[in-house]
Amino acid sequence: MLDWNTYRNALMGRIGELGKLSPDSVKGYLVASGAGAKTGHLDEKTRQLISLAVAVTTRCDGCISVHAQKAVENGATKEEVAEALGVAIAMNAGAALVYSARALDAVDAAS
């Protein structure tokens, strides 16, 4: 299994390098990523649970790693994570089932 904490740290370093090479690309992502939080309709835990479920359906290990950590930091329980992943499984069937197992590993590593 993947060492999610080491992977996430290495990934953030590489994204930092990309930000130096192409600052507007990373800035654009950060603006889009934070836009929903400004409305205040969803709390951060809910946003992170949705992000984790979407990360599973898009098969993005980096996204799984970051959003698993942020979900835990914002108080998501393993049961809440499992329910969100259940939605991803329903939406994406087999591939989401496999990546949900990976997301649970990431949540365990973040805890």
PDB file of N, CA and C in Angstrom:
ATOM      1  N   MET A   1       0.833  -1.184   0.000  1.00  0.00           N
ATOM      2  CA  MET A   1       0.000   0.000   0.000  1.00  0.00           C
ATOM      3  C   MET A   1       0.881   1.252   0.000  1.00  0.00           C
ATOM      4  N   LEU A   2       0.308   2.299  -0.465  1.00  0.00           N
ATOM      5  CA  LEU A   2       1.007   3.577  -0.587  1.00  0.00           C
ATOM      6  C   LEU A   2       1.209   4.224   0.779  1.00  0.00           C
ATOM      7  N   ASP A   3       2.365   4.848   0.997  1.00  0.00           N
ATOM      8  CA  ASP A   3       2.594   5.657   2.192  1.00  0.00           C
ATOM      9  C   ASP A   3       2.024   7.041   1.883  1.00  0.00           C
ATOM     10  N   TRP A   4       0.786   7.243   2.290  1.00  0.00           N
ATOM     11  CA  TRP A   4       0.026   8.441   1.899  1.00  0.00           C
ATOM     12  C   TRP A   4       0.655   9.726   2.406  1.00  0.00           C
ATOM     13  N   ASN A   5       1.209   9.725   3.607  1.00  0.00           N
ATOM     14  CA  ASN A   5       1.793  10.951   4.150  1.00  0.00           C
ATOM     15  C   ASN A   5       3.051  11.356   3.385  1.00  0.00           C
ATOM     16  N   THR A   6       3.920  10.392   3.103  1.00  0.00           N
ATOM     17  CA  THR A   6       5.123  10.672   2.331  1.00  0.00           C
ATOM     18  C   THR A   6       4.758  11.123   0.921  1.00  0.00           C
ATOM     19  N   TYR A   7       3.797  10.432   0.328  1.00  0.00           N
ATOM     20  CA  TYR A   7       3.344  10.780  -1.024  1.00  0.00           C
ATOM     21  C   TYR A   7       2.808  12.207  -1.065  1.00  0.00           C
ATOM     22  N   ARG A   8       1.936  12.554  -0.101  1.00  0.00           N
ATOM     23  CA  ARG A   8       1.326  13.893  -0.067  1.00  0.00           C
ATOM     24  C   ARG A   8       2.404  14.969   0.096  1.00  0.00           C
ATOM     25  N   ASN A   9       3.379  14.738   0.968  1.00  0.00           N
ATOM     26  CA  ASN A   9       4.456  15.711   1.168  1.00  0.00           C
ATOM     27  C   ASN A   9       5.280  15.897  -0.105  1.00  0.00           C
ATOM     28  N   ALA A  10       5.604  14.808  -0.767  1.00  0.00           N
ATOM     29  CA  ALA A  10       6.366  14.896  -2.017  1.00  0.00           C
ATOM     30  C   ALA A  10       5.555  15.611  -3.094  1.00  0.00           C
ATOM     31  N   LEU A  11       4.285  15.292  -3.173  1.00  0.00           N
ATOM     32  CA  LEU A  11       3.404  15.920  -4.155  1.00  0.00           C
ATOM     33  C   LEU A  11       3.326  17.430  -3.939  1.00  0.00           C
ATOM     34  N   MET A  12       3.174  17.853  -2.694  1.00  0.00           N
ATOM     35  CA  MET A  12       3.083  19.286  -2.405  1.00  0.00           C
ATOM     36  C   MET A  12       4.385  19.997  -2.792  1.00  0.00           C
ATOM     37  N   GLY A  13       5.507  19.323  -2.607  1.00  0.00           N
ATOM     38  CA  GLY A  13       6.787  19.887  -3.035  1.00  0.00           C
ATOM     39  C   GLY A  13       6.839  20.087  -4.545  1.00  0.00           C
ATOM     40  N   ARG A  14       6.383  19.095  -5.272  1.00  0.00           N
ATOM     41  CA  ARG A  14       6.384  19.188  -6.742  1.00  0.00           C
ATOM     42  C   ARG A  14       5.407  20.258  -7.221  1.00  0.00           C
ATOM     43  N   ILE A  15       4.263  20.369  -6.569  1.00  0.00           N
ATOM     44  CA  ILE A  15       3.311  21.412  -6.948  1.00  0.00           C
ATOM     45  C   ILE A  15       3.899  22.790  -6.654  1.00  0.00           C
ATOM     46  N   GLY A  16       4.657  22.893  -5.556  1.00  0.00           N
ATOM     47  CA  GLY A  16       5.367  24.138  -5.266  1.00  0.00           C
ATOM     48  C   GLY A  16       6.338  24.496  -6.378  1.00  0.00           C
ATOM     49  N   GLU A  17       7.042  23.492  -6.890  1.00  0.00           N
ATOM     50  CA  GLU A  17       7.957  23.722  -8.019  1.00  0.00           C
ATOM     51  C   GLU A  17       7.186  24.180  -9.249  1.00  0.00           C
ATOM     52  N   LEU A  18       6.055  23.531  -9.524  1.00  0.00           N
ATOM     53  CA  LEU A  18       5.232  23.925 -10.658  1.00  0.00           C
ATOM     54  C   LEU A  18       4.742  25.365 -10.489  1.00  0.00           C
ATOM     55  N   GLY A  19       4.406  25.735  -9.243  1.00  0.00           N
ATOM     56  CA  GLY A  19       3.967  27.099  -8.967  1.00  0.00           C
ATOM     57  C   GLY A  19       5.036  28.132  -9.287  1.00  0.00           C
ATOM     58  N   LYS A  20       6.297  27.768  -9.115  1.00  0.00           N
ATOM     59  CA  LYS A  20       7.388  28.681  -9.476  1.00  0.00           C
ATOM     60  C   LYS A  20       7.552  28.779 -10.986  1.00  0.00           C
ATOM     61  N   LEU A  21       7.334  27.671 -11.678  1.00  0.00           N
ATOM     62  CA  LEU A  21       7.481  27.643 -13.127  1.00  0.00           C
ATOM     63  C   LEU A  21       6.278  28.243 -13.848  1.00  0.00           C
ATOM     64  N   SER A  22       5.095  28.044 -13.283  1.00  0.00           N
ATOM     65  CA  SER A  22       3.854  28.502 -13.911  1.00  0.00           C
ATOM     66  C   SER A  22       2.902  29.012 -12.830  1.00  0.00           C
ATOM     67  N   PRO A  23       3.224  30.164 -12.247  1.00  0.00           N
ATOM     68  CA  PRO A  23       2.455  30.637 -11.095  1.00  0.00           C
ATOM     69  C   PRO A  23       0.974  30.858 -11.376  1.00  0.00           C
ATOM     70  N   ASP A  24       0.628  31.324 -12.569  1.00  0.00           N
ATOM     71  CA  ASP A  24      -0.781  31.576 -12.856  1.00  0.00           C
ATOM     72  C   ASP A  24      -1.597  30.286 -12.935  1.00  0.00           C
ATOM     73  N   SER A  25      -0.967  29.196 -13.371  1.00  0.00           N
ATOM     74  CA  SER A  25      -1.687  27.912 -13.425  1.00  0.00           C
ATOM     75  C   SER A  25      -2.075  27.453 -12.028  1.00  0.00           C
ATOM     76  N   VAL A  26      -1.120  27.495 -11.111  1.00  0.00           N
ATOM     77  CA  VAL A  26      -1.403  27.066  -9.739  1.00  0.00           C
ATOM     78  C   VAL A  26      -2.341  28.059  -9.060  1.00  0.00           C
ATOM     79  N   LYS A  27      -2.135  29.341  -9.288  1.00  0.00           N
ATOM     80  CA  LYS A  27      -3.016  30.355  -8.710  1.00  0.00           C
ATOM     81  C   LYS A  27      -4.451  30.161  -9.208  1.00  0.00           C
ATOM     82  N   GLY A  28      -4.620  29.876 -10.484  1.00  0.00           N
ATOM     83  CA  GLY A  28      -5.947  29.636 -11.044  1.00  0.00           C
ATOM     84  C   GLY A  28      -6.633  28.455 -10.379  1.00  0.00           C
ATOM     85  N   TYR A  29      -5.867  27.387 -10.152  1.00  0.00           N
ATOM     86  CA  TYR A  29      -6.419  26.227  -9.450  1.00  0.00           C
ATOM     87  C   TYR A  29      -6.857  26.611  -8.038  1.00  0.00           C
ATOM     88  N   LEU A  30      -6.004  27.358  -7.336  1.00  0.00           N
ATOM     89  CA  LEU A  30      -6.323  27.738  -5.953  1.00  0.00           C
ATOM     90  C   LEU A  30      -7.564  28.629  -5.883  1.00  0.00           C
ATOM     91  N   VAL A  31      -7.725  29.517  -6.842  1.00  0.00           N
ATOM     92  CA  VAL A  31      -8.915  30.370  -6.881  1.00  0.00           C
ATOM     93  C   VAL A  31     -10.162  29.502  -7.085  1.00  0.00           C
ATOM     94  N   ALA A  32     -10.112  28.599  -8.061  1.00  0.00           N
ATOM     95  CA  ALA A  32     -11.257  27.719  -8.325  1.00  0.00           C
ATOM     96  C   ALA A  32     -11.537  26.812  -7.132  1.00  0.00           C
ATOM     97  N   SER A  33     -10.488  26.297  -6.527  1.00  0.00           N
ATOM     98  CA  SER A  33     -10.634  25.388  -5.401  1.00  0.00           C
ATOM     99  C   SER A  33     -11.281  26.055  -4.196  1.00  0.00           C
ATOM    100  N   GLY A  34     -10.983  27.315  -3.969  1.00  0.00           N
ATOM    101  CA  GLY A  34     -11.515  28.020  -2.806  1.00  0.00           C
ATOM    102  C   GLY A  34     -12.813  28.754  -3.039  1.00  0.00           C
ATOM    103  N   ALA A  35     -13.283  28.791  -4.288  1.00  0.00           N
ATOM    104  CA  ALA A  35     -14.466  29.587  -4.609  1.00  0.00           C
ATOM    105  C   ALA A  35     -15.705  29.138  -3.846  1.00  0.00           C
ATOM    106  N   GLY A  36     -15.933  27.845  -3.753  1.00  0.00           N
ATOM    107  CA  GLY A  36     -17.128  27.346  -3.081  1.00  0.00           C
ATOM    108  C   GLY A  36     -17.171  27.679  -1.605  1.00  0.00           C
ATOM    109  N   ALA A  37     -16.008  27.743  -0.974  1.00  0.00           N
ATOM    110  CA  ALA A  37     -15.956  28.021   0.464  1.00  0.00           C
ATOM    111  C   ALA A  37     -16.448  29.429   0.785  1.00  0.00           C
ATOM    112  N   LYS A  38     -16.381  30.319  -0.162  1.00  0.00           N
ATOM    113  CA  LYS A  38     -16.767  31.715   0.078  1.00  0.00           C
ATOM    114  C   LYS A  38     -18.272  31.885   0.253  1.00  0.00           C
ATOM    115  N   THR A  39     -19.065  30.968  -0.283  1.00  0.00           N
ATOM    116  CA  THR A  39     -20.522  31.113  -0.157  1.00  0.00           C
ATOM    117  C   THR A  39     -21.014  30.713   1.223  1.00  0.00           C
ATOM    118  N   GLY A  40     -20.314  29.785   1.866  1.00  0.00           N
ATOM    119  CA  GLY A  40     -20.679  29.367   3.208  1.00  0.00           C
ATOM    120  C   GLY A  40     -21.898  28.468   3.297  1.00  0.00           C
ATOM    121  N   HIS A  41     -22.357  27.921   2.183  1.00  0.00           N
ATOM    122  CA  HIS A  41     -23.533  27.048   2.218  1.00  0.00           C
ATOM    123  C   HIS A  41     -23.214  25.653   2.752  1.00  0.00           C
ATOM    124  N   LEU A  42     -21.987  25.209   2.562  1.00  0.00           N
ATOM    125  CA  LEU A  42     -21.548  23.915   3.084  1.00  0.00           C
ATOM    126  C   LEU A  42     -20.402  24.156   4.055  1.00  0.00           C
ATOM    127  N   ASP A  43     -20.360  23.354   5.110  1.00  0.00           N
ATOM    128  CA  ASP A  43     -19.216  23.477   6.020  1.00  0.00           C
ATOM    129  C   ASP A  43     -18.006  22.768   5.398  1.00  0.00           C
ATOM    130  N   GLU A  44     -16.828  23.044   5.953  1.00  0.00           N
ATOM    131  CA  GLU A  44     -15.596  22.521   5.367  1.00  0.00           C
ATOM    132  C   GLU A  44     -15.539  20.995   5.411  1.00  0.00           C
ATOM    133  N   LYS A  45     -16.062  20.387   6.462  1.00  0.00           N
ATOM    134  CA  LYS A  45     -16.049  18.924   6.527  1.00  0.00           C
ATOM    135  C   LYS A  45     -16.858  18.341   5.363  1.00  0.00           C
ATOM    136  N   THR A  46     -18.026  18.896   5.111  1.00  0.00           N
ATOM    137  CA  THR A  46     -18.861  18.408   4.007  1.00  0.00           C
ATOM    138  C   THR A  46     -18.158  18.607   2.676  1.00  0.00           C
ATOM    139  N   ARG A  47     -17.539  19.760   2.497  1.00  0.00           N
ATOM    140  CA  ARG A  47     -16.803  20.028   1.251  1.00  0.00           C
ATOM    141  C   ARG A  47     -15.681  19.006   1.057  1.00  0.00           C
ATOM    142  N   GLN A  48     -14.995  18.657   2.142  1.00  0.00           N
ATOM    143  CA  GLN A  48     -13.897  17.695   2.042  1.00  0.00           C
ATOM    144  C   GLN A  48     -14.410  16.279   1.784  1.00  0.00           C
ATOM    145  N   LEU A  49     -15.546  15.923   2.365  1.00  0.00           N
ATOM    146  CA  LEU A  49     -16.136  14.610   2.095  1.00  0.00           C
ATOM    147  C   LEU A  49     -16.550  14.502   0.631  1.00  0.00           C
ATOM    148  N   ILE A  50     -17.140  15.559   0.099  1.00  0.00           N
ATOM    149  CA  ILE A  50     -17.504  15.571  -1.325  1.00  0.00           C
ATOM    150  C   ILE A  50     -16.234  15.482  -2.169  1.00  0.00           C
ATOM    151  N   SER A  51     -15.231  16.260  -1.804  1.00  0.00           N
ATOM    152  CA  SER A  51     -13.972  16.246  -2.556  1.00  0.00           C
ATOM    153  C   SER A  51     -13.335  14.864  -2.547  1.00  0.00           C
ATOM    154  N   LEU A  52     -13.376  14.192  -1.409  1.00  0.00           N
ATOM    155  CA  LEU A  52     -12.812  12.845  -1.314  1.00  0.00           C
ATOM    156  C   LEU A  52     -13.589  11.873  -2.200  1.00  0.00           C
ATOM    157  N   ALA A  53     -14.911  11.962  -2.187  1.00  0.00           N
ATOM    158  CA  ALA A  53     -15.723  11.091  -3.040  1.00  0.00           C
ATOM    159  C   ALA A  53     -15.434  11.342  -4.518  1.00  0.00           C
ATOM    160  N   VAL A  54     -15.307  12.600  -4.896  1.00  0.00           N
ATOM    161  CA  VAL A  54     -14.988  12.927  -6.290  1.00  0.00           C
ATOM    162  C   VAL A  54     -13.580  12.445  -6.630  1.00  0.00           C
ATOM    163  N   ALA A  55     -12.650  12.586  -5.698  1.00  0.00           N
ATOM    164  CA  ALA A  55     -11.278  12.117  -5.928  1.00  0.00           C
ATOM    165  C   ALA A  55     -11.265  10.623  -6.235  1.00  0.00           C
ATOM    166  N   VAL A  56     -12.111   9.874  -5.553  1.00  0.00           N
ATOM    167  CA  VAL A  56     -12.214   8.434  -5.810  1.00  0.00           C
ATOM    168  C   VAL A  56     -12.735   8.192  -7.224  1.00  0.00           C
ATOM    169  N   THR A  57     -13.774   8.916  -7.616  1.00  0.00           N
ATOM    170  CA  THR A  57     -14.354   8.670  -8.940  1.00  0.00           C
ATOM    171  C   THR A  57     -13.440   9.126 -10.070  1.00  0.00           C
ATOM    172  N   THR A  58     -12.557  10.091  -9.803  1.00  0.00           N
ATOM    173  CA  THR A  58     -11.620  10.533 -10.833  1.00  0.00           C
ATOM    174  C   THR A  58     -10.281   9.821 -10.741  1.00  0.00           C
ATOM    175  N   ARG A  59     -10.139   8.953  -9.735  1.00  0.00           N
ATOM    176  CA  ARG A  59      -8.942   8.137  -9.549  1.00  0.00           C
ATOM    177  C   ARG A  59      -7.679   8.987  -9.400  1.00  0.00           C
ATOM    178  N   CYS A  60      -7.778  10.021  -8.570  1.00  0.00           N
ATOM    179  CA  CYS A  60      -6.657  10.936  -8.361  1.00  0.00           C
ATOM    180  C   CYS A  60      -6.047  10.677  -6.984  1.00  0.00           C
ATOM    181  N   ASP A  61      -4.926   9.951  -6.950  1.00  0.00           N
ATOM    182  CA  ASP A  61      -4.284   9.631  -5.673  1.00  0.00           C
ATOM    183  C   ASP A  61      -3.870  10.885  -4.910  1.00  0.00           C
ATOM    184  N   GLY A  62      -3.375  11.885  -5.617  1.00  0.00           N
ATOM    185  CA  GLY A  62      -3.000  13.125  -4.948  1.00  0.00           C
ATOM    186  C   GLY A  62      -4.198  13.781  -4.287  1.00  0.00           C
ATOM    187  N   CYS A  63      -5.322  13.809  -4.999  1.00  0.00           N
ATOM    188  CA  CYS A  63      -6.556  14.384  -4.450  1.00  0.00           C
ATOM    189  C   CYS A  63      -7.043  13.566  -3.253  1.00  0.00           C
ATOM    190  N   ILE A  64      -6.988  12.247  -3.360  1.00  0.00           N
ATOM    191  CA  ILE A  64      -7.388  11.384  -2.245  1.00  0.00           C
ATOM    192  C   ILE A  64      -6.537  11.705  -1.023  1.00  0.00           C
ATOM    193  N   SER A  65      -5.231  11.796  -1.220  1.00  0.00           N
ATOM    194  CA  SER A  65      -4.327  12.049  -0.112  1.00  0.00           C
ATOM    195  C   SER A  65      -4.624  13.371   0.569  1.00  0.00           C
ATOM    196  N   VAL A  66      -4.764  14.437  -0.199  1.00  0.00           N
ATOM    197  CA  VAL A  66      -5.006  15.772   0.361  1.00  0.00           C
ATOM    198  C   VAL A  66      -6.374  15.845   1.022  1.00  0.00           C
ATOM    199  N   HIS A  67      -7.405  15.364   0.354  1.00  0.00           N
ATOM    200  CA  HIS A  67      -8.761  15.517   0.888  1.00  0.00           C
ATOM    201  C   HIS A  67      -9.058  14.541   2.024  1.00  0.00           C
ATOM    202  N   ALA A  68      -8.378  13.394   2.068  1.00  0.00           N
ATOM    203  CA  ALA A  68      -8.498  12.510   3.230  1.00  0.00           C
ATOM    204  C   ALA A  68      -7.952  13.215   4.465  1.00  0.00           C
ATOM    205  N   GLN A  69      -6.776  13.820   4.318  1.00  0.00           N
ATOM    206  CA  GLN A  69      -6.183  14.539   5.445  1.00  0.00           C
ATOM    207  C   GLN A  69      -7.078  15.698   5.881  1.00  0.00           C
ATOM    208  N   LYS A  70      -7.565  16.485   4.918  1.00  0.00           N
ATOM    209  CA  LYS A  70      -8.395  17.644   5.258  1.00  0.00           C
ATOM    210  C   LYS A  70      -9.735  17.216   5.858  1.00  0.00           C
ATOM    211  N   ALA A  71     -10.287  16.112   5.391  1.00  0.00           N
ATOM    212  CA  ALA A  71     -11.543  15.620   5.967  1.00  0.00           C
ATOM    213  C   ALA A  71     -11.338  15.261   7.436  1.00  0.00           C
ATOM    214  N   VAL A  72     -10.252  14.545   7.728  1.00  0.00           N
ATOM    215  CA  VAL A  72      -9.944  14.171   9.111  1.00  0.00           C
ATOM    216  C   VAL A  72      -9.693  15.425   9.948  1.00  0.00           C
ATOM    217  N   GLU A  73      -8.916  16.367   9.417  1.00  0.00           N
ATOM    218  CA  GLU A  73      -8.634  17.612  10.145  1.00  0.00           C
ATOM    219  C   GLU A  73      -9.903  18.406  10.464  1.00  0.00           C
ATOM    220  N   ASN A  74     -10.920  18.261   9.617  1.00  0.00           N
ATOM    221  CA  ASN A  74     -12.171  18.991   9.815  1.00  0.00           C
ATOM    222  C   ASN A  74     -13.228  18.161  10.526  1.00  0.00           C
ATOM    223  N   GLY A  75     -12.796  17.061  11.155  1.00  0.00           N
ATOM    224  CA  GLY A  75     -13.676  16.304  12.028  1.00  0.00           C
ATOM    225  C   GLY A  75     -14.446  15.166  11.415  1.00  0.00           C
ATOM    226  N   ALA A  76     -14.152  14.802  10.173  1.00  0.00           N
ATOM    227  CA  ALA A  76     -14.868  13.684   9.554  1.00  0.00           C
ATOM    228  C   ALA A  76     -14.501  12.383  10.259  1.00  0.00           C
ATOM    229  N   THR A  77     -15.515  11.604  10.569  1.00  0.00           N
ATOM    230  CA  THR A  77     -15.288  10.290  11.156  1.00  0.00           C
ATOM    231  C   THR A  77     -15.097   9.265  10.041  1.00  0.00           C
ATOM    232  N   LYS A  78     -14.555   8.131  10.407  1.00  0.00           N
ATOM    233  CA  LYS A  78     -14.385   7.063   9.420  1.00  0.00           C
ATOM    234  C   LYS A  78     -15.747   6.630   8.865  1.00  0.00           C
ATOM    235  N   GLU A  79     -16.775   6.673   9.719  1.00  0.00           N
ATOM    236  CA  GLU A  79     -18.125   6.308   9.271  1.00  0.00           C
ATOM    237  C   GLU A  79     -18.660   7.312   8.250  1.00  0.00           C
ATOM    238  N   GLU A  80     -18.410   8.593   8.478  1.00  0.00           N
ATOM    239  CA  GLU A  80     -18.843   9.617   7.510  1.00  0.00           C
ATOM    240  C   GLU A  80     -18.088   9.467   6.199  1.00  0.00           C
ATOM    241  N   VAL A  81     -16.795   9.192   6.295  1.00  0.00           N
ATOM    242  CA  VAL A  81     -16.000   8.954   5.089  1.00  0.00           C
ATOM    243  C   VAL A  81     -16.577   7.765   4.330  1.00  0.00           C
ATOM    244  N   ALA A  82     -16.889   6.700   5.045  1.00  0.00           N
ATOM    245  CA  ALA A  82     -17.437   5.500   4.398  1.00  0.00           C
ATOM    246  C   ALA A  82     -18.756   5.808   3.707  1.00  0.00           C
ATOM    247  N   GLU A  83     -19.600   6.641   4.320  1.00  0.00           N
ATOM    248  CA  GLU A  83     -20.879   6.990   3.688  1.00  0.00           C
ATOM    249  C   GLU A  83     -20.648   7.807   2.415  1.00  0.00           C
ATOM    250  N   ALA A  84     -19.730   8.766   2.470  1.00  0.00           N
ATOM    251  CA  ALA A  84     -19.411   9.551   1.278  1.00  0.00           C
ATOM    252  C   ALA A  84     -18.838   8.661   0.179  1.00  0.00           C
ATOM    253  N   LEU A  85     -17.985   7.709   0.579  1.00  0.00           N
ATOM    254  CA  LEU A  85     -17.411   6.792  -0.401  1.00  0.00           C
ATOM    255  C   LEU A  85     -18.477   5.867  -0.978  1.00  0.00           C
ATOM    256  N   GLY A  86     -19.501   5.576  -0.181  1.00  0.00           N
ATOM    257  CA  GLY A  86     -20.625   4.783  -0.682  1.00  0.00           C
ATOM    258  C   GLY A  86     -21.338   5.490  -1.830  1.00  0.00           C
ATOM    259  N   VAL A  87     -21.454   6.800  -1.741  1.00  0.00           N
ATOM    260  CA  VAL A  87     -22.043   7.573  -2.835  1.00  0.00           C
ATOM    261  C   VAL A  87     -21.155   7.471  -4.069  1.00  0.00           C
ATOM    262  N   ALA A  88     -19.842   7.584  -3.872  1.00  0.00           N
ATOM    263  CA  ALA A  88     -18.916   7.451  -4.999  1.00  0.00           C
ATOM    264  C   ALA A  88     -19.027   6.071  -5.635  1.00  0.00           C
ATOM    265  N   ILE A  89     -19.142   5.046  -4.805  1.00  0.00           N
ATOM    266  CA  ILE A  89     -19.273   3.680  -5.319  1.00  0.00           C
ATOM    267  C   ILE A  89     -20.536   3.543  -6.153  1.00  0.00           C
ATOM    268  N   ALA A  90     -21.632   4.095  -5.638  1.00  0.00           N
ATOM    269  CA  ALA A  90     -22.886   4.021  -6.377  1.00  0.00           C
ATOM    270  C   ALA A  90     -22.774   4.744  -7.719  1.00  0.00           C
ATOM    271  N   MET A  91     -22.017   5.828  -7.742  1.00  0.00           N
ATOM    272  CA  MET A  91     -21.890   6.622  -8.955  1.00  0.00           C
ATOM    273  C   MET A  91     -20.862   6.052  -9.932  1.00  0.00           C
ATOM    274  N   ASN A  92     -19.922   5.309  -9.433  1.00  0.00           N
ATOM    275  CA  ASN A  92     -18.823   4.885 -10.292  1.00  0.00           C
ATOM    276  C   ASN A  92     -18.522   3.392 -10.194  1.00  0.00           C
ATOM    277  N   ALA A  93     -19.359   2.665  -9.526  1.00  0.00           N
ATOM    278  CA  ALA A  93     -19.300   1.202  -9.423  1.00  0.00           C
ATOM    279  C   ALA A  93     -17.912   0.644  -9.139  1.00  0.00           C
ATOM    280  N   GLY A  94     -17.444  -0.252  -9.942  1.00  0.00           N
ATOM    281  CA  GLY A  94     -16.242  -1.017  -9.651  1.00  0.00           C
ATOM    282  C   GLY A  94     -14.983  -0.199  -9.425  1.00  0.00           C
ATOM    283  N   ALA A  95     -14.715   0.756 -10.282  1.00  0.00           N
ATOM    284  CA  ALA A  95     -13.497   1.555 -10.129  1.00  0.00           C
ATOM    285  C   ALA A  95     -13.518   2.323  -8.815  1.00  0.00           C
ATOM    286  N   ALA A  96     -14.669   2.855  -8.467  1.00  0.00           N
ATOM    287  CA  ALA A  96     -14.778   3.598  -7.212  1.00  0.00           C
ATOM    288  C   ALA A  96     -14.607   2.663  -6.014  1.00  0.00           C
ATOM    289  N   LEU A  97     -15.057   1.429  -6.114  1.00  0.00           N
ATOM    290  CA  LEU A  97     -14.896   0.473  -5.026  1.00  0.00           C
ATOM    291  C   LEU A  97     -13.410   0.243  -4.747  1.00  0.00           C
ATOM    292  N   VAL A  98     -12.626   0.036  -5.789  1.00  0.00           N
ATOM    293  CA  VAL A  98     -11.191  -0.165  -5.628  1.00  0.00           C
ATOM    294  C   VAL A  98     -10.537   1.084  -5.036  1.00  0.00           C
ATOM    295  N   TYR A  99     -10.875   2.251  -5.541  1.00  0.00           N
ATOM    296  CA  TYR A  99     -10.260   3.479  -5.048  1.00  0.00           C
ATOM    297  C   TYR A  99     -10.773   3.875  -3.672  1.00  0.00           C
ATOM    298  N   SER A 100     -11.951   3.418  -3.292  1.00  0.00           N
ATOM    299  CA  SER A 100     -12.427   3.648  -1.926  1.00  0.00           C
ATOM    300  C   SER A 100     -11.536   2.931  -0.923  1.00  0.00           C
ATOM    301  N   ALA A 101     -11.092   1.726  -1.279  1.00  0.00           N
ATOM    302  CA  ALA A 101     -10.157   1.010  -0.408  1.00  0.00           C
ATOM    303  C   ALA A 101      -8.870   1.829  -0.263  1.00  0.00           C
ATOM    304  N   ARG A 102      -8.424   2.448  -1.333  1.00  0.00           N
ATOM    305  CA  ARG A 102      -7.231   3.305  -1.281  1.00  0.00           C
ATOM    306  C   ARG A 102      -7.494   4.537  -0.411  1.00  0.00           C
ATOM    307  N   ALA A 103      -8.687   5.124  -0.539  1.00  0.00           N
ATOM    308  CA  ALA A 103      -9.020   6.315   0.255  1.00  0.00           C
ATOM    309  C   ALA A 103      -9.079   5.971   1.739  1.00  0.00           C
ATOM    310  N   LEU A 104      -9.587   4.796   2.093  1.00  0.00           N
ATOM    311  CA  LEU A 104      -9.592   4.382   3.499  1.00  0.00           C
ATOM    312  C   LEU A 104      -8.163   4.253   4.016  1.00  0.00           C
ATOM    313  N   ASP A 105      -7.253   3.732   3.191  1.00  0.00           N
ATOM    314  CA  ASP A 105      -5.844   3.677   3.588  1.00  0.00           C
ATOM    315  C   ASP A 105      -5.316   5.088   3.849  1.00  0.00           C
ATOM    316  N   ALA A 106      -5.695   6.037   3.000  1.00  0.00           N
ATOM    317  CA  ALA A 106      -5.238   7.423   3.176  1.00  0.00           C
ATOM    318  C   ALA A 106      -5.803   8.030   4.437  1.00  0.00           C
ATOM    319  N   VAL A 107      -7.068   7.749   4.750  1.00  0.00           N
ATOM    320  CA  VAL A 107      -7.683   8.255   5.982  1.00  0.00           C
ATOM    321  C   VAL A 107      -6.991   7.653   7.193  1.00  0.00           C
ATOM    322  N   ASP A 108      -6.715   6.356   7.164  1.00  0.00           N
ATOM    323  CA  ASP A 108      -6.001   5.709   8.269  1.00  0.00           C
ATOM    324  C   ASP A 108      -4.639   6.348   8.469  1.00  0.00           C
ATOM    325  N   ALA A 109      -3.953   6.645   7.372  1.00  0.00           N
ATOM    326  CA  ALA A 109      -2.636   7.248   7.461  1.00  0.00           C
ATOM    327  C   ALA A 109      -2.713   8.666   8.028  1.00  0.00           C
ATOM    328  N   ALA A 110      -3.817   9.366   7.746  1.00  0.00           N
ATOM    329  CA  ALA A 110      -3.977  10.754   8.213  1.00  0.00           C
ATOM    330  C   ALA A 110      -4.400  10.816   9.672  1.00  0.00           C
ATOM    331  N   SER A 111      -4.944   9.724  10.189  1.00  0.00           N
ATOM    332  CA  SER A 111      -5.456   9.726  11.564  1.00  0.00           C
ATOM    333  C   SER A 111      -4.341   9.589  12.576  1.00  0.00           C
TER     334      SER A 111
END
